[in-house]
N, C-alpha and C. Protein backbone atom coordinates (compact mmCIF):
# COMPACT_ATOMS: atom_id res chain seq x y z
N MET A 1 0.85 -1.19 0.00
CA MET A 1 0.00 0.00 0.00
C MET A 1 0.89 1.24 0.00
N LEU A 2 0.72 2.06 -1.03
CA LEU A 2 1.57 3.24 -1.18
C LEU A 2 1.11 4.38 -0.27
N SER A 3 2.07 5.22 0.07
CA SER A 3 1.83 6.36 0.94
C SER A 3 1.85 7.65 0.13
N PHE A 4 0.72 8.37 0.13
CA PHE A 4 0.64 9.70 -0.47
C PHE A 4 0.66 10.73 0.66
N GLY A 5 1.66 11.58 0.68
CA GLY A 5 1.68 12.66 1.66
C GLY A 5 0.64 13.71 1.28
N HIS A 6 -0.36 13.90 2.14
CA HIS A 6 -1.49 14.78 1.86
C HIS A 6 -1.09 16.24 2.05
N ARG A 7 -1.07 16.99 0.95
CA ARG A 7 -0.60 18.38 0.95
C ARG A 7 0.83 18.45 1.52
N GLY A 8 1.60 17.46 1.17
CA GLY A 8 2.95 17.31 1.72
C GLY A 8 2.88 16.38 2.91
N ALA A 9 3.28 16.88 4.06
CA ALA A 9 3.11 16.14 5.31
C ALA A 9 2.47 17.10 6.30
N MET A 10 1.19 17.41 6.06
CA MET A 10 0.56 18.52 6.76
C MET A 10 0.34 18.26 8.24
N GLY A 11 0.52 17.01 8.67
CA GLY A 11 0.48 16.74 10.10
C GLY A 11 1.71 17.25 10.82
N TYR A 12 2.76 17.53 10.05
CA TYR A 12 4.04 17.93 10.64
C TYR A 12 4.51 19.32 10.21
N ALA A 13 4.00 19.83 9.11
CA ALA A 13 4.49 21.10 8.56
C ALA A 13 3.33 21.80 7.84
N PRO A 14 3.43 23.11 7.62
CA PRO A 14 2.33 23.84 6.99
C PRO A 14 1.97 23.27 5.62
N GLU A 15 0.70 23.00 5.43
CA GLU A 15 0.24 22.30 4.22
C GLU A 15 0.59 23.04 2.94
N ASN A 16 0.85 22.24 1.90
CA ASN A 16 1.08 22.77 0.56
C ASN A 16 2.24 23.77 0.49
N THR A 17 3.25 23.56 1.33
CA THR A 17 4.46 24.38 1.25
C THR A 17 5.64 23.51 0.83
N VAL A 18 6.70 24.13 0.38
CA VAL A 18 7.91 23.38 0.04
C VAL A 18 8.41 22.63 1.26
N LEU A 19 8.33 23.25 2.43
CA LEU A 19 8.76 22.60 3.67
C LEU A 19 7.96 21.33 3.93
N SER A 20 6.67 21.39 3.72
CA SER A 20 5.79 20.23 3.93
C SER A 20 6.11 19.11 2.95
N VAL A 21 6.37 19.47 1.71
CA VAL A 21 6.73 18.48 0.69
C VAL A 21 8.07 17.83 1.04
N GLN A 22 9.02 18.63 1.44
CA GLN A 22 10.33 18.09 1.83
C GLN A 22 10.21 17.16 3.03
N LYS A 23 9.32 17.49 3.95
CA LYS A 23 9.10 16.64 5.13
C LYS A 23 8.51 15.30 4.71
N ALA A 24 7.56 15.31 3.78
CA ALA A 24 6.96 14.07 3.29
C ALA A 24 8.02 13.17 2.66
N ILE A 25 8.90 13.76 1.87
CA ILE A 25 9.98 13.00 1.24
C ILE A 25 10.90 12.42 2.31
N GLU A 26 11.23 13.23 3.29
CA GLU A 26 12.10 12.80 4.40
C GLU A 26 11.48 11.62 5.16
N LEU A 27 10.15 11.62 5.28
CA LEU A 27 9.45 10.56 6.02
C LEU A 27 9.22 9.31 5.19
N GLY A 28 9.60 9.34 3.92
CA GLY A 28 9.52 8.15 3.09
C GLY A 28 8.27 7.99 2.25
N ALA A 29 7.51 9.08 2.07
CA ALA A 29 6.31 9.00 1.22
C ALA A 29 6.68 8.55 -0.18
N ASP A 30 5.78 7.77 -0.79
CA ASP A 30 5.98 7.34 -2.18
C ASP A 30 5.56 8.45 -3.15
N TRP A 31 4.51 9.17 -2.76
CA TRP A 31 3.97 10.26 -3.57
C TRP A 31 3.66 11.44 -2.66
N VAL A 32 3.59 12.61 -3.26
CA VAL A 32 3.15 13.81 -2.56
C VAL A 32 1.97 14.39 -3.32
N GLU A 33 0.91 14.75 -2.59
CA GLU A 33 -0.27 15.37 -3.20
C GLU A 33 -0.31 16.84 -2.85
N ILE A 34 -0.58 17.67 -3.87
CA ILE A 34 -0.72 19.12 -3.67
C ILE A 34 -1.94 19.62 -4.45
N ASP A 35 -2.33 20.85 -4.19
CA ASP A 35 -3.49 21.47 -4.85
C ASP A 35 -3.05 22.72 -5.59
N VAL A 36 -3.64 22.96 -6.76
CA VAL A 36 -3.27 24.16 -7.51
C VAL A 36 -4.49 24.96 -7.99
N TYR A 37 -4.34 26.27 -7.92
CA TYR A 37 -5.25 27.23 -8.53
C TYR A 37 -4.46 28.06 -9.53
N LEU A 38 -5.12 28.45 -10.61
CA LEU A 38 -4.52 29.39 -11.55
C LEU A 38 -4.93 30.80 -11.15
N VAL A 39 -3.94 31.58 -10.72
CA VAL A 39 -4.20 32.94 -10.23
C VAL A 39 -3.27 33.90 -10.96
N ASN A 40 -3.85 34.81 -11.71
CA ASN A 40 -3.03 35.79 -12.45
C ASN A 40 -1.94 35.10 -13.28
N ARG A 41 -2.36 34.04 -13.97
CA ARG A 41 -1.49 33.28 -14.88
C ARG A 41 -0.36 32.54 -14.15
N GLN A 42 -0.49 32.39 -12.85
CA GLN A 42 0.48 31.63 -12.07
C GLN A 42 -0.23 30.47 -11.38
N LEU A 43 0.42 29.30 -11.36
CA LEU A 43 -0.15 28.14 -10.69
C LEU A 43 0.28 28.16 -9.23
N MET A 44 -0.62 28.63 -8.39
CA MET A 44 -0.36 28.75 -6.96
C MET A 44 -0.74 27.46 -6.25
N VAL A 45 0.14 27.00 -5.38
CA VAL A 45 -0.09 25.74 -4.66
C VAL A 45 -0.76 26.07 -3.32
N ILE A 46 -2.07 25.88 -3.29
CA ILE A 46 -2.87 26.21 -2.11
C ILE A 46 -4.20 25.48 -2.23
N HIS A 47 -4.77 25.07 -1.11
CA HIS A 47 -6.00 24.27 -1.14
C HIS A 47 -7.26 25.11 -1.29
N ASP A 48 -7.31 26.25 -0.62
CA ASP A 48 -8.52 27.08 -0.63
C ASP A 48 -8.38 28.21 -1.64
N ASP A 49 -9.52 28.75 -2.05
CA ASP A 49 -9.46 29.92 -2.93
C ASP A 49 -9.45 31.22 -2.12
N THR A 50 -9.33 31.07 -0.81
CA THR A 50 -9.14 32.21 0.08
C THR A 50 -7.87 32.00 0.91
N LEU A 51 -7.36 33.07 1.45
CA LEU A 51 -6.09 33.05 2.18
C LEU A 51 -6.25 32.76 3.67
N ASP A 52 -7.44 32.97 4.20
CA ASP A 52 -7.65 33.06 5.64
C ASP A 52 -7.17 31.85 6.44
N ARG A 53 -7.46 30.64 5.99
CA ARG A 53 -7.18 29.45 6.80
C ARG A 53 -5.70 29.10 6.85
N THR A 54 -4.99 29.29 5.75
CA THR A 54 -3.62 28.75 5.67
C THR A 54 -2.52 29.80 5.64
N THR A 55 -2.88 31.08 5.63
CA THR A 55 -1.85 32.13 5.60
C THR A 55 -2.23 33.24 6.59
N ASN A 56 -1.37 34.23 6.69
CA ASN A 56 -1.67 35.40 7.53
C ASN A 56 -2.42 36.48 6.76
N GLY A 57 -2.87 36.13 5.56
CA GLY A 57 -3.66 37.06 4.76
C GLY A 57 -5.15 36.80 4.89
N LYS A 58 -5.95 37.67 4.33
CA LYS A 58 -7.41 37.52 4.35
C LYS A 58 -7.96 37.86 2.98
N GLY A 59 -9.01 37.13 2.59
CA GLY A 59 -9.67 37.43 1.34
C GLY A 59 -9.39 36.43 0.24
N SER A 60 -9.95 36.71 -0.91
CA SER A 60 -9.83 35.82 -2.07
C SER A 60 -8.44 35.88 -2.69
N LEU A 61 -7.98 34.74 -3.16
CA LEU A 61 -6.72 34.69 -3.90
C LEU A 61 -6.73 35.66 -5.08
N PHE A 62 -7.90 35.80 -5.67
CA PHE A 62 -8.02 36.53 -6.93
C PHE A 62 -8.08 38.04 -6.75
N ASP A 63 -8.02 38.48 -5.49
CA ASP A 63 -8.02 39.92 -5.22
C ASP A 63 -6.61 40.49 -5.08
N PHE A 64 -5.59 39.64 -5.30
CA PHE A 64 -4.21 40.07 -5.09
C PHE A 64 -3.36 39.78 -6.33
N THR A 65 -2.32 40.57 -6.49
CA THR A 65 -1.35 40.28 -7.55
C THR A 65 -0.48 39.11 -7.11
N PHE A 66 0.22 38.53 -8.07
CA PHE A 66 1.14 37.44 -7.75
C PHE A 66 2.18 37.89 -6.73
N GLU A 67 2.72 39.06 -6.91
CA GLU A 67 3.75 39.58 -5.99
C GLU A 67 3.19 39.73 -4.58
N GLN A 68 1.96 40.19 -4.47
CA GLN A 68 1.35 40.33 -3.15
C GLN A 68 1.12 38.97 -2.49
N LEU A 69 0.66 38.00 -3.27
CA LEU A 69 0.43 36.66 -2.73
C LEU A 69 1.70 36.05 -2.18
N ARG A 70 2.81 36.34 -2.82
CA ARG A 70 4.09 35.76 -2.39
C ARG A 70 4.61 36.40 -1.10
N GLU A 71 3.99 37.50 -0.70
CA GLU A 71 4.41 38.16 0.54
C GLU A 71 3.77 37.54 1.78
N PHE A 72 2.68 36.81 1.59
CA PHE A 72 1.99 36.25 2.75
C PHE A 72 2.77 35.07 3.33
N ASP A 73 2.60 34.88 4.64
CA ASP A 73 3.24 33.76 5.35
C ASP A 73 2.28 32.58 5.36
N ALA A 74 2.71 31.48 4.75
CA ALA A 74 1.88 30.27 4.70
C ALA A 74 2.19 29.33 5.86
N GLY A 75 2.90 29.84 6.87
CA GLY A 75 3.24 29.05 8.05
C GLY A 75 4.73 28.82 8.17
N GLU A 76 5.25 29.07 9.36
CA GLU A 76 6.67 28.86 9.65
C GLU A 76 7.59 29.61 8.68
N GLY A 77 7.11 30.77 8.25
CA GLY A 77 7.92 31.59 7.35
C GLY A 77 7.90 31.16 5.90
N GLU A 78 7.13 30.13 5.58
CA GLU A 78 7.02 29.65 4.20
C GLU A 78 6.09 30.55 3.40
N ARG A 79 6.36 30.70 2.11
CA ARG A 79 5.45 31.45 1.25
C ARG A 79 4.63 30.46 0.43
N ILE A 80 3.57 30.95 -0.17
CA ILE A 80 2.76 30.10 -1.05
C ILE A 80 3.61 29.74 -2.26
N PRO A 81 3.84 28.43 -2.50
CA PRO A 81 4.70 28.06 -3.63
C PRO A 81 3.97 28.16 -4.96
N ILE A 82 4.75 28.14 -6.02
CA ILE A 82 4.20 27.93 -7.36
C ILE A 82 4.54 26.49 -7.76
N LEU A 83 3.80 25.97 -8.74
CA LEU A 83 3.93 24.57 -9.10
C LEU A 83 5.36 24.19 -9.47
N SER A 84 6.04 25.03 -10.21
CA SER A 84 7.40 24.68 -10.64
C SER A 84 8.34 24.47 -9.46
N GLU A 85 8.11 25.16 -8.37
CA GLU A 85 8.94 24.97 -7.17
C GLU A 85 8.71 23.60 -6.54
N ILE A 86 7.47 23.16 -6.56
CA ILE A 86 7.15 21.83 -6.02
C ILE A 86 7.71 20.74 -6.93
N ILE A 87 7.61 20.95 -8.23
CA ILE A 87 8.20 19.98 -9.17
C ILE A 87 9.69 19.86 -8.92
N GLN A 88 10.35 20.97 -8.72
CA GLN A 88 11.78 20.95 -8.46
C GLN A 88 12.10 20.20 -7.16
N ALA A 89 11.26 20.37 -6.15
CA ALA A 89 11.49 19.72 -4.86
C ALA A 89 11.25 18.21 -4.90
N THR A 90 10.37 17.77 -5.81
CA THR A 90 10.02 16.35 -5.86
C THR A 90 10.74 15.58 -6.96
N LYS A 91 11.31 16.28 -7.91
CA LYS A 91 11.89 15.65 -9.10
C LYS A 91 12.88 14.55 -8.74
N GLU A 92 12.66 13.36 -9.33
CA GLU A 92 13.53 12.20 -9.16
C GLU A 92 13.59 11.71 -7.71
N LYS A 93 12.64 12.17 -6.88
CA LYS A 93 12.63 11.74 -5.48
C LYS A 93 11.33 11.03 -5.11
N VAL A 94 10.23 11.52 -5.67
CA VAL A 94 8.91 11.05 -5.24
C VAL A 94 7.91 11.39 -6.34
N GLY A 95 6.83 10.60 -6.43
CA GLY A 95 5.77 10.91 -7.38
C GLY A 95 5.00 12.15 -6.94
N LEU A 96 4.40 12.84 -7.90
CA LEU A 96 3.68 14.09 -7.61
C LEU A 96 2.25 14.01 -8.12
N ASN A 97 1.30 14.10 -7.19
CA ASN A 97 -0.12 14.15 -7.52
C ASN A 97 -0.58 15.61 -7.45
N ILE A 98 -0.96 16.15 -8.61
CA ILE A 98 -1.42 17.54 -8.70
C ILE A 98 -2.94 17.53 -8.78
N GLU A 99 -3.60 18.06 -7.75
CA GLU A 99 -5.05 18.16 -7.80
C GLU A 99 -5.44 19.52 -8.38
N LEU A 100 -6.23 19.49 -9.44
CA LEU A 100 -6.69 20.71 -10.10
C LEU A 100 -7.89 21.25 -9.33
N LYS A 101 -7.72 22.38 -8.67
CA LYS A 101 -8.77 22.92 -7.81
C LYS A 101 -9.66 23.93 -8.53
N GLY A 102 -9.07 24.80 -9.29
CA GLY A 102 -9.85 25.88 -9.89
C GLY A 102 -10.11 25.68 -11.37
N GLU A 103 -10.83 26.63 -11.94
CA GLU A 103 -11.13 26.60 -13.37
C GLU A 103 -9.86 26.91 -14.18
N HIS A 104 -9.81 26.32 -15.37
CA HIS A 104 -8.75 26.61 -16.35
C HIS A 104 -7.34 26.20 -15.87
N THR A 105 -7.29 25.29 -14.91
CA THR A 105 -5.98 24.85 -14.41
C THR A 105 -5.32 23.83 -15.33
N ALA A 106 -6.12 23.03 -16.02
CA ALA A 106 -5.56 21.92 -16.81
C ALA A 106 -4.55 22.40 -17.84
N LYS A 107 -4.93 23.38 -18.64
CA LYS A 107 -4.04 23.85 -19.71
C LYS A 107 -2.75 24.43 -19.13
N ALA A 108 -2.87 25.18 -18.06
CA ALA A 108 -1.68 25.79 -17.45
C ALA A 108 -0.75 24.73 -16.88
N VAL A 109 -1.32 23.71 -16.25
CA VAL A 109 -0.50 22.62 -15.71
C VAL A 109 0.15 21.85 -16.85
N TYR A 110 -0.62 21.59 -17.90
CA TYR A 110 -0.06 20.90 -19.07
C TYR A 110 1.16 21.63 -19.62
N GLU A 111 1.07 22.94 -19.70
CA GLU A 111 2.19 23.72 -20.24
C GLU A 111 3.44 23.59 -19.36
N VAL A 112 3.26 23.54 -18.05
CA VAL A 112 4.40 23.34 -17.15
C VAL A 112 4.97 21.93 -17.32
N LEU A 113 4.09 20.95 -17.42
CA LEU A 113 4.54 19.56 -17.53
C LEU A 113 5.20 19.27 -18.88
N SER A 114 4.88 20.06 -19.89
CA SER A 114 5.44 19.81 -21.23
C SER A 114 6.95 19.96 -21.26
N ASP A 115 7.50 20.63 -20.27
CA ASP A 115 8.96 20.79 -20.19
C ASP A 115 9.64 19.56 -19.59
N LEU A 116 8.85 18.64 -19.03
CA LEU A 116 9.43 17.47 -18.37
C LEU A 116 9.68 16.35 -19.36
N SER A 117 10.61 15.48 -19.03
CA SER A 117 10.86 14.30 -19.86
C SER A 117 9.68 13.34 -19.72
N ASN A 118 9.52 12.45 -20.71
CA ASN A 118 8.45 11.46 -20.64
C ASN A 118 8.59 10.59 -19.40
N GLU A 119 9.83 10.29 -19.04
CA GLU A 119 10.09 9.46 -17.86
C GLU A 119 9.61 10.16 -16.59
N HIS A 120 9.87 11.45 -16.52
CA HIS A 120 9.43 12.22 -15.34
C HIS A 120 7.91 12.34 -15.30
N LYS A 121 7.28 12.50 -16.47
CA LYS A 121 5.83 12.65 -16.50
C LYS A 121 5.11 11.39 -16.02
N LYS A 122 5.79 10.25 -16.12
CA LYS A 122 5.20 9.01 -15.60
C LYS A 122 5.04 9.07 -14.08
N GLN A 123 5.80 9.96 -13.45
CA GLN A 123 5.75 10.12 -12.00
C GLN A 123 4.81 11.25 -11.58
N VAL A 124 3.92 11.63 -12.50
CA VAL A 124 2.94 12.69 -12.22
C VAL A 124 1.54 12.11 -12.37
N LEU A 125 0.66 12.45 -11.45
CA LEU A 125 -0.74 12.04 -11.49
C LEU A 125 -1.59 13.30 -11.37
N ILE A 126 -2.53 13.46 -12.29
CA ILE A 126 -3.43 14.61 -12.28
C ILE A 126 -4.80 14.15 -11.78
N SER A 127 -5.29 14.79 -10.73
CA SER A 127 -6.60 14.42 -10.19
C SER A 127 -7.47 15.65 -10.00
N SER A 128 -8.77 15.41 -9.88
CA SER A 128 -9.69 16.53 -9.66
C SER A 128 -11.10 16.02 -9.40
N PHE A 129 -11.88 16.83 -8.70
CA PHE A 129 -13.32 16.62 -8.63
C PHE A 129 -14.00 17.24 -9.85
N LYS A 130 -13.27 18.07 -10.58
CA LYS A 130 -13.82 18.78 -11.74
C LYS A 130 -13.55 17.95 -13.01
N MET A 131 -14.57 17.25 -13.46
CA MET A 131 -14.38 16.36 -14.61
C MET A 131 -14.07 17.15 -15.88
N SER A 132 -14.54 18.39 -15.96
CA SER A 132 -14.24 19.21 -17.14
C SER A 132 -12.74 19.47 -17.24
N GLU A 133 -12.08 19.67 -16.09
CA GLU A 133 -10.64 19.90 -16.09
C GLU A 133 -9.89 18.62 -16.46
N LEU A 134 -10.35 17.49 -15.95
CA LEU A 134 -9.70 16.21 -16.30
C LEU A 134 -9.89 15.90 -17.78
N GLN A 135 -11.06 16.23 -18.32
CA GLN A 135 -11.28 16.05 -19.76
C GLN A 135 -10.30 16.90 -20.56
N SER A 136 -10.13 18.14 -20.15
CA SER A 136 -9.19 19.03 -20.85
C SER A 136 -7.78 18.47 -20.81
N MET A 137 -7.37 18.00 -19.64
CA MET A 137 -6.02 17.45 -19.51
C MET A 137 -5.84 16.21 -20.37
N SER A 138 -6.84 15.35 -20.37
CA SER A 138 -6.76 14.11 -21.14
C SER A 138 -6.66 14.40 -22.64
N LYS A 139 -7.36 15.42 -23.10
CA LYS A 139 -7.29 15.80 -24.52
C LYS A 139 -5.93 16.39 -24.87
N LEU A 140 -5.35 17.12 -23.94
CA LEU A 140 -4.05 17.75 -24.18
C LEU A 140 -2.92 16.73 -24.18
N ASP A 141 -3.03 15.72 -23.32
CA ASP A 141 -1.98 14.71 -23.21
C ASP A 141 -2.60 13.38 -22.81
N GLU A 142 -2.81 12.51 -23.79
CA GLU A 142 -3.46 11.23 -23.53
C GLU A 142 -2.61 10.30 -22.67
N SER A 143 -1.32 10.58 -22.58
CA SER A 143 -0.43 9.69 -21.84
C SER A 143 -0.37 10.01 -20.34
N ILE A 144 -0.91 11.15 -19.94
CA ILE A 144 -0.79 11.57 -18.54
C ILE A 144 -1.67 10.69 -17.65
N ASN A 145 -1.19 10.38 -16.46
CA ASN A 145 -1.97 9.60 -15.49
C ASN A 145 -3.09 10.46 -14.93
N ILE A 146 -4.31 9.92 -15.00
CA ILE A 146 -5.49 10.63 -14.52
C ILE A 146 -6.09 9.89 -13.33
N GLY A 147 -6.44 10.65 -12.29
CA GLY A 147 -7.13 10.08 -11.14
C GLY A 147 -8.45 10.79 -10.93
N VAL A 148 -9.54 10.03 -10.90
CA VAL A 148 -10.88 10.61 -10.73
C VAL A 148 -11.20 10.68 -9.24
N LEU A 149 -11.41 11.90 -8.75
CA LEU A 149 -11.84 12.08 -7.36
C LEU A 149 -13.35 11.90 -7.30
N ALA A 150 -13.78 10.93 -6.51
CA ALA A 150 -15.19 10.56 -6.48
C ALA A 150 -16.00 11.49 -5.60
N GLY A 151 -17.17 11.87 -6.10
CA GLY A 151 -18.12 12.62 -5.29
C GLY A 151 -19.06 11.66 -4.59
N ASP A 152 -20.34 11.98 -4.58
CA ASP A 152 -21.31 11.15 -3.86
C ASP A 152 -21.62 9.85 -4.58
N SER A 153 -21.55 9.85 -5.91
CA SER A 153 -21.98 8.69 -6.68
C SER A 153 -20.80 7.79 -7.06
N ILE A 154 -20.83 6.57 -6.56
CA ILE A 154 -19.79 5.59 -6.88
C ILE A 154 -19.84 5.25 -8.37
N ASN A 155 -21.03 4.99 -8.87
CA ASN A 155 -21.17 4.60 -10.28
C ASN A 155 -20.71 5.70 -11.23
N GLU A 156 -21.00 6.93 -10.87
CA GLU A 156 -20.58 8.06 -11.71
C GLU A 156 -19.06 8.17 -11.75
N ALA A 157 -18.43 7.92 -10.62
CA ALA A 157 -16.96 7.97 -10.56
C ALA A 157 -16.35 6.92 -11.48
N PHE A 158 -16.88 5.72 -11.44
CA PHE A 158 -16.35 4.66 -12.30
C PHE A 158 -16.64 4.93 -13.77
N ALA A 159 -17.79 5.52 -14.06
CA ALA A 159 -18.13 5.86 -15.45
C ALA A 159 -17.15 6.89 -15.99
N TRP A 160 -16.86 7.91 -15.19
CA TRP A 160 -15.89 8.93 -15.62
C TRP A 160 -14.50 8.33 -15.77
N ALA A 161 -14.13 7.46 -14.86
CA ALA A 161 -12.80 6.83 -14.93
C ALA A 161 -12.64 6.06 -16.23
N GLN A 162 -13.70 5.37 -16.63
CA GLN A 162 -13.66 4.62 -17.89
C GLN A 162 -13.59 5.57 -19.08
N LYS A 163 -14.40 6.62 -19.04
CA LYS A 163 -14.44 7.59 -20.14
C LYS A 163 -13.09 8.29 -20.32
N LEU A 164 -12.43 8.61 -19.21
CA LEU A 164 -11.17 9.35 -19.25
C LEU A 164 -9.95 8.44 -19.33
N LYS A 165 -10.20 7.12 -19.33
CA LYS A 165 -9.10 6.14 -19.32
C LYS A 165 -8.16 6.42 -18.15
N ALA A 166 -8.77 6.65 -17.00
CA ALA A 166 -8.02 6.98 -15.79
C ALA A 166 -7.24 5.77 -15.30
N SER A 167 -6.21 6.05 -14.53
CA SER A 167 -5.42 4.97 -13.93
C SER A 167 -5.89 4.66 -12.52
N SER A 168 -6.61 5.62 -11.91
CA SER A 168 -7.04 5.41 -10.52
C SER A 168 -8.34 6.15 -10.24
N VAL A 169 -9.05 5.64 -9.21
CA VAL A 169 -10.21 6.33 -8.66
C VAL A 169 -9.92 6.59 -7.19
N HIS A 170 -10.32 7.77 -6.71
CA HIS A 170 -9.98 8.19 -5.36
C HIS A 170 -11.27 8.40 -4.56
N PHE A 171 -11.38 7.65 -3.47
CA PHE A 171 -12.59 7.70 -2.65
C PHE A 171 -12.29 8.12 -1.22
N SER A 172 -13.29 8.73 -0.58
CA SER A 172 -13.21 9.00 0.85
C SER A 172 -13.21 7.67 1.60
N LYS A 173 -12.51 7.63 2.71
CA LYS A 173 -12.42 6.40 3.50
C LYS A 173 -13.81 5.92 3.94
N ARG A 174 -14.76 6.83 4.05
CA ARG A 174 -16.11 6.45 4.49
C ARG A 174 -16.82 5.55 3.49
N LYS A 175 -16.41 5.60 2.25
CA LYS A 175 -17.08 4.82 1.21
C LYS A 175 -16.41 3.47 0.93
N VAL A 176 -15.26 3.24 1.54
CA VAL A 176 -14.45 2.08 1.13
C VAL A 176 -14.94 0.79 1.79
N THR A 177 -15.26 -0.18 0.93
CA THR A 177 -15.63 -1.53 1.34
C THR A 177 -14.84 -2.51 0.49
N GLN A 178 -14.91 -3.78 0.87
CA GLN A 178 -14.24 -4.80 0.05
C GLN A 178 -14.83 -4.84 -1.35
N ALA A 179 -16.15 -4.65 -1.44
CA ALA A 179 -16.81 -4.67 -2.75
C ALA A 179 -16.29 -3.53 -3.63
N LEU A 180 -16.06 -2.37 -3.04
CA LEU A 180 -15.56 -1.23 -3.82
C LEU A 180 -14.14 -1.50 -4.32
N VAL A 181 -13.31 -2.04 -3.46
CA VAL A 181 -11.94 -2.39 -3.86
C VAL A 181 -11.98 -3.40 -5.00
N ASN A 182 -12.82 -4.41 -4.86
CA ASN A 182 -12.93 -5.44 -5.90
C ASN A 182 -13.44 -4.85 -7.21
N GLN A 183 -14.40 -3.94 -7.12
CA GLN A 183 -14.95 -3.31 -8.33
C GLN A 183 -13.87 -2.54 -9.07
N ALA A 184 -13.07 -1.79 -8.33
CA ALA A 184 -11.99 -1.02 -8.96
C ALA A 184 -11.00 -1.95 -9.64
N HIS A 185 -10.56 -2.96 -8.92
CA HIS A 185 -9.53 -3.85 -9.45
C HIS A 185 -10.04 -4.67 -10.63
N SER A 186 -11.33 -5.02 -10.60
CA SER A 186 -11.88 -5.82 -11.70
C SER A 186 -11.97 -5.03 -13.01
N THR A 187 -11.95 -3.70 -12.89
CA THR A 187 -11.99 -2.85 -14.09
C THR A 187 -10.61 -2.28 -14.42
N GLY A 188 -9.59 -2.79 -13.75
CA GLY A 188 -8.22 -2.37 -14.05
C GLY A 188 -7.80 -1.06 -13.43
N LEU A 189 -8.57 -0.59 -12.46
CA LEU A 189 -8.26 0.69 -11.81
C LEU A 189 -7.62 0.47 -10.44
N LYS A 190 -6.75 1.38 -10.08
CA LYS A 190 -6.22 1.39 -8.72
C LYS A 190 -7.14 2.23 -7.84
N LEU A 191 -7.26 1.81 -6.59
CA LEU A 191 -8.13 2.52 -5.65
C LEU A 191 -7.29 3.23 -4.60
N TYR A 192 -7.40 4.55 -4.59
CA TYR A 192 -6.68 5.39 -3.63
C TYR A 192 -7.70 6.00 -2.67
N VAL A 193 -7.34 6.10 -1.39
CA VAL A 193 -8.30 6.50 -0.36
C VAL A 193 -7.78 7.71 0.43
N TYR A 194 -8.67 8.66 0.67
CA TYR A 194 -8.32 9.86 1.45
C TYR A 194 -9.29 10.02 2.62
N THR A 195 -8.94 10.75 3.64
CA THR A 195 -7.61 10.99 4.18
C THR A 195 -7.52 10.10 5.41
N VAL A 196 -6.52 9.26 5.48
CA VAL A 196 -6.44 8.21 6.50
C VAL A 196 -5.26 8.49 7.42
N ASN A 197 -5.56 8.79 8.68
CA ASN A 197 -4.51 9.17 9.62
C ASN A 197 -4.34 8.21 10.80
N GLU A 198 -5.42 7.54 11.19
CA GLU A 198 -5.35 6.67 12.37
C GLU A 198 -4.83 5.29 11.99
N LEU A 199 -4.02 4.71 12.89
CA LEU A 199 -3.39 3.42 12.59
C LEU A 199 -4.42 2.32 12.35
N ALA A 200 -5.50 2.31 13.13
CA ALA A 200 -6.53 1.28 12.95
C ALA A 200 -7.15 1.36 11.56
N GLU A 201 -7.41 2.58 11.10
CA GLU A 201 -7.98 2.77 9.76
C GLU A 201 -6.97 2.39 8.68
N LEU A 202 -5.71 2.72 8.91
CA LEU A 202 -4.66 2.35 7.94
C LEU A 202 -4.55 0.84 7.81
N ARG A 203 -4.64 0.15 8.94
CA ARG A 203 -4.57 -1.32 8.90
C ARG A 203 -5.77 -1.88 8.14
N ARG A 204 -6.95 -1.29 8.36
CA ARG A 204 -8.15 -1.76 7.66
C ARG A 204 -7.99 -1.59 6.16
N MET A 205 -7.46 -0.46 5.73
CA MET A 205 -7.26 -0.22 4.30
C MET A 205 -6.29 -1.23 3.71
N LYS A 206 -5.27 -1.55 4.45
CA LYS A 206 -4.29 -2.52 3.96
C LYS A 206 -4.91 -3.90 3.82
N ILE A 207 -5.71 -4.30 4.80
CA ILE A 207 -6.39 -5.60 4.75
C ILE A 207 -7.35 -5.67 3.57
N LEU A 208 -8.03 -4.56 3.27
CA LEU A 208 -8.98 -4.52 2.16
C LEU A 208 -8.29 -4.56 0.80
N GLY A 209 -7.00 -4.31 0.76
CA GLY A 209 -6.28 -4.34 -0.50
C GLY A 209 -6.27 -3.03 -1.26
N VAL A 210 -6.49 -1.94 -0.53
CA VAL A 210 -6.40 -0.60 -1.13
C VAL A 210 -4.98 -0.38 -1.67
N ASP A 211 -4.87 0.28 -2.82
CA ASP A 211 -3.55 0.46 -3.46
C ASP A 211 -2.72 1.57 -2.82
N ALA A 212 -3.39 2.61 -2.33
CA ALA A 212 -2.67 3.73 -1.72
C ALA A 212 -3.61 4.51 -0.84
N VAL A 213 -3.04 5.21 0.13
CA VAL A 213 -3.84 6.11 0.97
C VAL A 213 -3.16 7.47 1.05
N PHE A 214 -3.97 8.49 1.17
CA PHE A 214 -3.50 9.85 1.42
C PHE A 214 -3.51 10.05 2.93
N SER A 215 -2.42 10.55 3.47
CA SER A 215 -2.34 10.74 4.91
C SER A 215 -1.58 12.02 5.25
N ASN A 216 -2.04 12.68 6.32
CA ASN A 216 -1.31 13.84 6.83
C ASN A 216 -0.01 13.42 7.50
N TYR A 217 0.08 12.10 7.78
CA TYR A 217 1.25 11.53 8.44
C TYR A 217 1.76 10.37 7.59
N PRO A 218 2.45 10.65 6.50
CA PRO A 218 2.82 9.59 5.55
C PRO A 218 3.69 8.49 6.15
N ASP A 219 4.41 8.79 7.22
CA ASP A 219 5.23 7.75 7.86
C ASP A 219 4.37 6.69 8.53
N ARG A 220 3.17 7.05 8.97
CA ARG A 220 2.29 6.07 9.60
C ARG A 220 1.85 5.00 8.61
N VAL A 221 1.68 5.38 7.36
CA VAL A 221 1.29 4.41 6.33
C VAL A 221 2.36 3.34 6.20
N LEU A 222 3.60 3.76 6.22
CA LEU A 222 4.72 2.83 6.07
C LEU A 222 4.85 1.92 7.28
N SER A 223 4.35 2.37 8.44
CA SER A 223 4.50 1.59 9.67
C SER A 223 3.54 0.41 9.75
N VAL A 224 2.52 0.40 8.89
CA VAL A 224 1.57 -0.72 8.91
C VAL A 224 1.89 -1.72 7.80
């Protein structure tokens, strides 16, 4: 069972920062998951479309210039990274799962990834709850790994995964059963589960045969 560091290693360091990503790598994560919004033509690595929860700023991301956004403290003196900085931090060390959060992110991410070697792109996974963004990415690059983030409907998630030729489907831990794991595997999909932090839950996921879990504490995944 693979370990995905959720927003880096957010149990130990400020989420979605270079520091958090470096911590996940240090702890032995197989992959690191981050979130991106396209803001003023820059791919900002942040989970929310507002600054309030994760920085010392307030208000919408879209009310500030890129230079202003870079002035905010994202925790422990870290600034909000851009995607290229995270790619640099993870390159040849760990897989990178980029979750497309906002509108029009697919094309911008594709342009950044186009500079990477084919070998490096194999270590990138694009996921989203926004099927329109995943469709755009799939059309731009059919070879890119796609992960469908499931909403309320299990059947809809599998239908989209088939349509997009996804490599994985991602479900909340609340939805995971043996039948769900079997359904994914029978259709050639890997099943990834979010967000699993407690050891008892991690053990349950491993027994069920889940392929990977997202955790705020990626080292705990390795301990089971």
